[in-house]
């Protein structure tokens, strides 16, 4: 297993919609191992495959001590009144911005053996499920900011030393 380097804002792979993983692909197990290893570093709640340069539909999560993954996730339900939450992203390091997220989310997908997987939750889990599926659809969290906040965020990002 390998902790993989995180792709940063501006990398084209982050703007691409990810392809489904074909079960049985010999590279899938290696990808999942890398996602699981990489998400376990401190301060990481979730990691989408395209954030490590692989444009395939999978992500790992590390919420409240529970570490896992899902392949070919589909966001099937969100509920509640969207609320402003402080959100950051490993691909936009050093920044947190307020954006609206639903307080509950549910995704479905499969594991490496093709068994059905359902993840759902409130709070940070709901936020992570929405954030990571957005990544797999080629969307960064800053796209969901209110217009003025997005302008300020883009201005700050362009001044970041890593940009």
C-alpha atoms as a PDB file:
ATOM      1  CA  UNK A   1       0.000   0.000   0.000  1.00  0.00           C
ATOM      2  CA  UNK A   2       1.081   3.529  -0.712  1.00  0.00           C
ATOM      3  CA  UNK A   3       0.121   6.952   0.545  1.00  0.00           C
ATOM      4  CA  UNK A   4      -0.474   8.768  -2.722  1.00  0.00           C
ATOM      5  CA  UNK A   5       0.184  12.421  -3.529  1.00  0.00           C
ATOM      6  CA  UNK A   6      -2.908  14.620  -3.617  1.00  0.00           C
ATOM      7  CA  UNK A   7      -3.688  16.409  -6.873  1.00  0.00           C
ATOM      8  CA  UNK A   8      -4.262  20.125  -6.385  1.00  0.00           C
ATOM      9  CA  UNK A   9      -6.743  22.649  -7.728  1.00  0.00           C
ATOM     10  CA  UNK A  10      -5.972  23.261 -11.392  1.00  0.00           C
ATOM     11  CA  UNK A  11      -5.136  19.631 -12.197  1.00  0.00           C
ATOM     12  CA  UNK A  12      -7.438  18.564 -15.063  1.00  0.00           C
ATOM     13  CA  UNK A  13      -8.176  15.155 -13.472  1.00  0.00           C
ATOM     14  CA  UNK A  14     -10.146  16.963 -10.753  1.00  0.00           C
ATOM     15  CA  UNK A  15     -12.508  18.433 -13.374  1.00  0.00           C
ATOM     16  CA  UNK A  16     -13.223  15.128 -15.116  1.00  0.00           C
ATOM     17  CA  UNK A  17     -16.209  12.927 -14.481  1.00  0.00           C
ATOM     18  CA  UNK A  18     -14.812   9.584 -13.338  1.00  0.00           C
ATOM     19  CA  UNK A  19     -15.477   6.310 -15.131  1.00  0.00           C
ATOM     20  CA  UNK A  20     -17.083   3.354 -13.341  1.00  0.00           C
ATOM     21  CA  UNK A  21     -14.742   0.678 -12.051  1.00  0.00           C
ATOM     22  CA  UNK A  22     -15.083  -2.660 -13.801  1.00  0.00           C
ATOM     23  CA  UNK A  23     -15.241  -5.273 -11.056  1.00  0.00           C
ATOM     24  CA  UNK A  24     -12.485  -7.827 -11.343  1.00  0.00           C
ATOM     25  CA  UNK A  25     -10.064  -5.273 -12.809  1.00  0.00           C
ATOM     26  CA  UNK A  26      -6.660  -6.234 -11.404  1.00  0.00           C
ATOM     27  CA  UNK A  27      -5.874  -2.579 -10.648  1.00  0.00           C
ATOM     28  CA  UNK A  28      -9.034  -1.991  -8.586  1.00  0.00           C
ATOM     29  CA  UNK A  29      -7.747  -3.711  -5.441  1.00  0.00           C
ATOM     30  CA  UNK A  30      -4.513  -1.727  -5.583  1.00  0.00           C
ATOM     31  CA  UNK A  31      -6.434   1.529  -6.010  1.00  0.00           C
ATOM     32  CA  UNK A  32      -8.624   0.750  -2.997  1.00  0.00           C
ATOM     33  CA  UNK A  33      -5.569  -0.109  -0.875  1.00  0.00           C
ATOM     34  CA  UNK A  34      -3.989   3.220  -1.805  1.00  0.00           C
ATOM     35  CA  UNK A  35      -7.210   5.129  -1.068  1.00  0.00           C
ATOM     36  CA  UNK A  36      -7.518   3.468   2.345  1.00  0.00           C
ATOM     37  CA  UNK A  37      -3.884   4.083   3.226  1.00  0.00           C
ATOM     38  CA  UNK A  38      -3.985   7.692   2.031  1.00  0.00           C
ATOM     39  CA  UNK A  39      -7.192   8.639   3.881  1.00  0.00           C
ATOM     40  CA  UNK A  40      -5.810   7.505   7.233  1.00  0.00           C
ATOM     41  CA  UNK A  41      -3.405  10.403   7.596  1.00  0.00           C
ATOM     42  CA  UNK A  42      -4.477  12.919  10.259  1.00  0.00           C
ATOM     43  CA  UNK A  43      -7.050  15.503   9.202  1.00  0.00           C
ATOM     44  CA  UNK A  44      -8.513  13.484   6.337  1.00  0.00           C
ATOM     45  CA  UNK A  45     -12.229  12.634   6.260  1.00  0.00           C
ATOM     46  CA  UNK A  46     -12.497  11.444   2.671  1.00  0.00           C
ATOM     47  CA  UNK A  47     -10.526  10.955  -0.516  1.00  0.00           C
ATOM     48  CA  UNK A  48     -11.796  10.463  -4.053  1.00  0.00           C
ATOM     49  CA  UNK A  49      -9.781   8.456  -6.589  1.00  0.00           C
ATOM     50  CA  UNK A  50      -9.316  11.426  -8.902  1.00  0.00           C
ATOM     51  CA  UNK A  51      -7.658  13.303  -6.038  1.00  0.00           C
ATOM     52  CA  UNK A  52      -4.807  10.808  -6.364  1.00  0.00           C
ATOM     53  CA  UNK A  53      -4.829  11.029 -10.155  1.00  0.00           C
ATOM     54  CA  UNK A  54      -7.069   8.071 -11.005  1.00  0.00           C
ATOM     55  CA  UNK A  55     -10.265   8.993 -12.885  1.00  0.00           C
ATOM     56  CA  UNK A  56     -12.307   6.057 -11.581  1.00  0.00           C
ATOM     57  CA  UNK A  57     -15.425   6.064  -9.353  1.00  0.00           C
ATOM     58  CA  UNK A  58     -14.274   5.159  -5.856  1.00  0.00           C
ATOM     59  CA  UNK A  59     -13.617   6.961  -2.627  1.00  0.00           C
ATOM     60  CA  UNK A  60     -12.436   6.197   0.875  1.00  0.00           C
ATOM     61  CA  UNK A  61     -13.599   7.776   4.107  1.00  0.00           C
ATOM     62  CA  UNK A  62     -12.322   8.198   7.651  1.00  0.00           C
ATOM     63  CA  UNK A  63     -15.172   9.463   9.842  1.00  0.00           C
ATOM     64  CA  UNK A  64     -15.215   9.138  13.626  1.00  0.00           C
ATOM     65  CA  UNK A  65     -12.635   6.340  13.536  1.00  0.00           C
ATOM     66  CA  UNK A  66     -14.480   4.333  10.867  1.00  0.00           C
ATOM     67  CA  UNK A  67     -12.390   3.822   7.738  1.00  0.00           C
ATOM     68  CA  UNK A  68     -13.860   2.323   4.585  1.00  0.00           C
ATOM     69  CA  UNK A  69     -14.436   2.668   0.864  1.00  0.00           C
ATOM     70  CA  UNK A  70     -17.112   2.439  -1.783  1.00  0.00           C
ATOM     71  CA  UNK A  71     -16.843   1.647  -5.485  1.00  0.00           C
ATOM     72  CA  UNK A  72     -19.096   3.222  -8.107  1.00  0.00           C
ATOM     73  CA  UNK A  73     -20.980   5.321  -5.557  1.00  0.00           C
ATOM     74  CA  UNK A  74     -24.214   7.047  -6.487  1.00  0.00           C
ATOM     75  CA  UNK A  75     -25.697   9.773  -4.300  1.00  0.00           C
ATOM     76  CA  UNK A  76     -29.253   8.457  -4.013  1.00  0.00           C
ATOM     77  CA  UNK A  77     -30.688  10.640  -1.266  1.00  0.00           C
ATOM     78  CA  UNK A  78     -30.158  13.949   0.455  1.00  0.00           C
ATOM     79  CA  UNK A  79     -32.636  15.433   2.882  1.00  0.00           C
ATOM     80  CA  UNK A  80     -33.224  18.237   5.290  1.00  0.00           C
ATOM     81  CA  UNK A  81     -32.828  21.940   4.785  1.00  0.00           C
ATOM     82  CA  UNK A  82     -29.391  22.753   3.328  1.00  0.00           C
ATOM     83  CA  UNK A  83     -27.242  24.471   5.943  1.00  0.00           C
ATOM     84  CA  UNK A  84     -24.001  26.402   5.864  1.00  0.00           C
ATOM     85  CA  UNK A  85     -21.049  24.264   6.918  1.00  0.00           C
ATOM     86  CA  UNK A  86     -17.342  25.011   7.104  1.00  0.00           C
ATOM     87  CA  UNK A  87     -15.728  22.874   4.418  1.00  0.00           C
ATOM     88  CA  UNK A  88     -12.213  22.228   3.235  1.00  0.00           C
ATOM     89  CA  UNK A  89     -10.611  20.000   0.632  1.00  0.00           C
ATOM     90  CA  UNK A  90      -7.273  18.218   0.357  1.00  0.00           C
ATOM     91  CA  UNK A  91      -7.049  19.474  -3.234  1.00  0.00           C
ATOM     92  CA  UNK A  92      -7.430  23.079  -2.063  1.00  0.00           C
ATOM     93  CA  UNK A  93      -5.061  22.906   0.935  1.00  0.00           C
ATOM     94  CA  UNK A  94      -5.131  25.468   3.684  1.00  0.00           C
ATOM     95  CA  UNK A  95      -8.570  26.876   2.940  1.00  0.00           C
ATOM     96  CA  UNK A  96     -11.998  26.417   4.496  1.00  0.00           C
ATOM     97  CA  UNK A  97     -15.105  28.114   3.153  1.00  0.00           C
ATOM     98  CA  UNK A  98     -18.736  28.142   4.197  1.00  0.00           C
ATOM     99  CA  UNK A  99     -21.047  26.361   1.748  1.00  0.00           C
ATOM    100  CA  UNK A 100     -24.465  24.759   1.819  1.00  0.00           C
ATOM    101  CA  UNK A 101     -24.797  21.007   2.305  1.00  0.00           C
ATOM    102  CA  UNK A 102     -27.760  18.810   3.135  1.00  0.00           C
ATOM    103  CA  UNK A 103     -27.678  17.511   6.720  1.00  0.00           C
ATOM    104  CA  UNK A 104     -28.378  13.915   5.597  1.00  0.00           C
ATOM    105  CA  UNK A 105     -26.977  11.947   2.653  1.00  0.00           C
ATOM    106  CA  UNK A 106     -27.004   8.364   1.411  1.00  0.00           C
ATOM    107  CA  UNK A 107     -24.898   6.712  -1.278  1.00  0.00           C
ATOM    108  CA  UNK A 108     -25.030   3.221  -2.719  1.00  0.00           C
ATOM    109  CA  UNK A 109     -22.328   1.278  -4.510  1.00  0.00           C
ATOM    110  CA  UNK A 110     -20.364  -1.937  -4.190  1.00  0.00           C
ATOM    111  CA  UNK A 111     -17.240  -3.364  -2.591  1.00  0.00           C
ATOM    112  CA  UNK A 112     -14.395  -5.150  -4.400  1.00  0.00           C
ATOM    113  CA  UNK A 113     -16.362  -8.404  -4.410  1.00  0.00           C
ATOM    114  CA  UNK A 114     -19.411  -6.764  -5.963  1.00  0.00           C
ATOM    115  CA  UNK A 115     -21.418  -6.862  -2.740  1.00  0.00           C
ATOM    116  CA  UNK A 116     -23.850  -3.957  -2.278  1.00  0.00           C
ATOM    117  CA  UNK A 117     -22.663  -1.146  -0.002  1.00  0.00           C
ATOM    118  CA  UNK A 118     -24.813   1.608   1.438  1.00  0.00           C
ATOM    119  CA  UNK A 119     -23.355   4.522   3.361  1.00  0.00           C
ATOM    120  CA  UNK A 120     -25.482   7.145   5.033  1.00  0.00           C
ATOM    121  CA  UNK A 121     -25.211   9.653   7.783  1.00  0.00           C
ATOM    122  CA  UNK A 122     -25.645  13.093   9.152  1.00  0.00           C
ATOM    123  CA  UNK A 123     -23.152  15.800  10.008  1.00  0.00           C
ATOM    124  CA  UNK A 124     -19.611  15.136   8.839  1.00  0.00           C
ATOM    125  CA  UNK A 125     -20.565  11.843   7.183  1.00  0.00           C
ATOM    126  CA  UNK A 126     -23.312  13.540   5.146  1.00  0.00           C
ATOM    127  CA  UNK A 127     -20.902  16.294   4.184  1.00  0.00           C
ATOM    128  CA  UNK A 128     -18.196  13.795   3.160  1.00  0.00           C
ATOM    129  CA  UNK A 129     -20.596  11.689   1.079  1.00  0.00           C
ATOM    130  CA  UNK A 130     -21.716  14.769  -0.851  1.00  0.00           C
ATOM    131  CA  UNK A 131     -18.185  16.157  -1.155  1.00  0.00           C
ATOM    132  CA  UNK A 132     -16.625  12.918  -2.429  1.00  0.00           C
ATOM    133  CA  UNK A 133     -19.380  12.123  -4.938  1.00  0.00           C
ATOM    134  CA  UNK A 134     -19.044  15.695  -6.214  1.00  0.00           C
ATOM    135  CA  UNK A 135     -15.332  14.986  -6.787  1.00  0.00           C
ATOM    136  CA  UNK A 136     -16.156  11.869  -8.793  1.00  0.00           C
ATOM    137  CA  UNK A 137     -18.487  13.957 -10.961  1.00  0.00           C
ATOM    138  CA  UNK A 138     -15.656  16.434 -11.613  1.00  0.00           C
ATOM    139  CA  UNK A 139     -16.844  19.154  -9.229  1.00  0.00           C
ATOM    140  CA  UNK A 140     -14.843  20.909  -6.523  1.00  0.00           C
ATOM    141  CA  UNK A 141     -16.562  22.167  -3.394  1.00  0.00           C
ATOM    142  CA  UNK A 142     -15.782  25.787  -4.203  1.00  0.00           C
ATOM    143  CA  UNK A 143     -18.229  25.582  -7.114  1.00  0.00           C
ATOM    144  CA  UNK A 144     -21.055  25.400  -4.559  1.00  0.00           C
ATOM    145  CA  UNK A 145     -20.105  28.604  -2.782  1.00  0.00           C
ATOM    146  CA  UNK A 146     -22.320  31.665  -2.886  1.00  0.00           C
ATOM    147  CA  UNK A 147     -21.153  33.980  -5.719  1.00  0.00           C
ATOM    148  CA  UNK A 148     -19.389  36.584  -3.561  1.00  0.00           C
ATOM    149  CA  UNK A 149     -17.771  33.900  -1.394  1.00  0.00           C
ATOM    150  CA  UNK A 150     -16.626  32.086  -4.540  1.00  0.00           C
ATOM    151  CA  UNK A 151     -14.972  35.248  -5.891  1.00  0.00           C
ATOM    152  CA  UNK A 152     -13.166  35.738  -2.574  1.00  0.00           C
ATOM    153  CA  UNK A 153     -12.162  32.066  -2.478  1.00  0.00           C
ATOM    154  CA  UNK A 154     -10.755  32.172  -6.006  1.00  0.00           C
ATOM    155  CA  UNK A 155      -8.809  35.339  -5.193  1.00  0.00           C
ATOM    156  CA  UNK A 156      -7.313  33.659  -2.096  1.00  0.00           C
ATOM    157  CA  UNK A 157      -6.517  30.416  -3.954  1.00  0.00           C
ATOM    158  CA  UNK A 158      -4.693  32.287  -6.726  1.00  0.00           C
ATOM    159  CA  UNK A 159      -2.427  33.805  -4.066  1.00  0.00           C
ATOM    160  CA  UNK A 160      -1.659  30.457  -2.408  1.00  0.00           C
ATOM    161  CA  UNK A 161       2.001  29.393  -2.665  1.00  0.00           C
ATOM    162  CA  UNK A 162       1.002  25.992  -4.104  1.00  0.00           C
ATOM    163  CA  UNK A 163      -1.114  27.492  -6.923  1.00  0.00           C
END
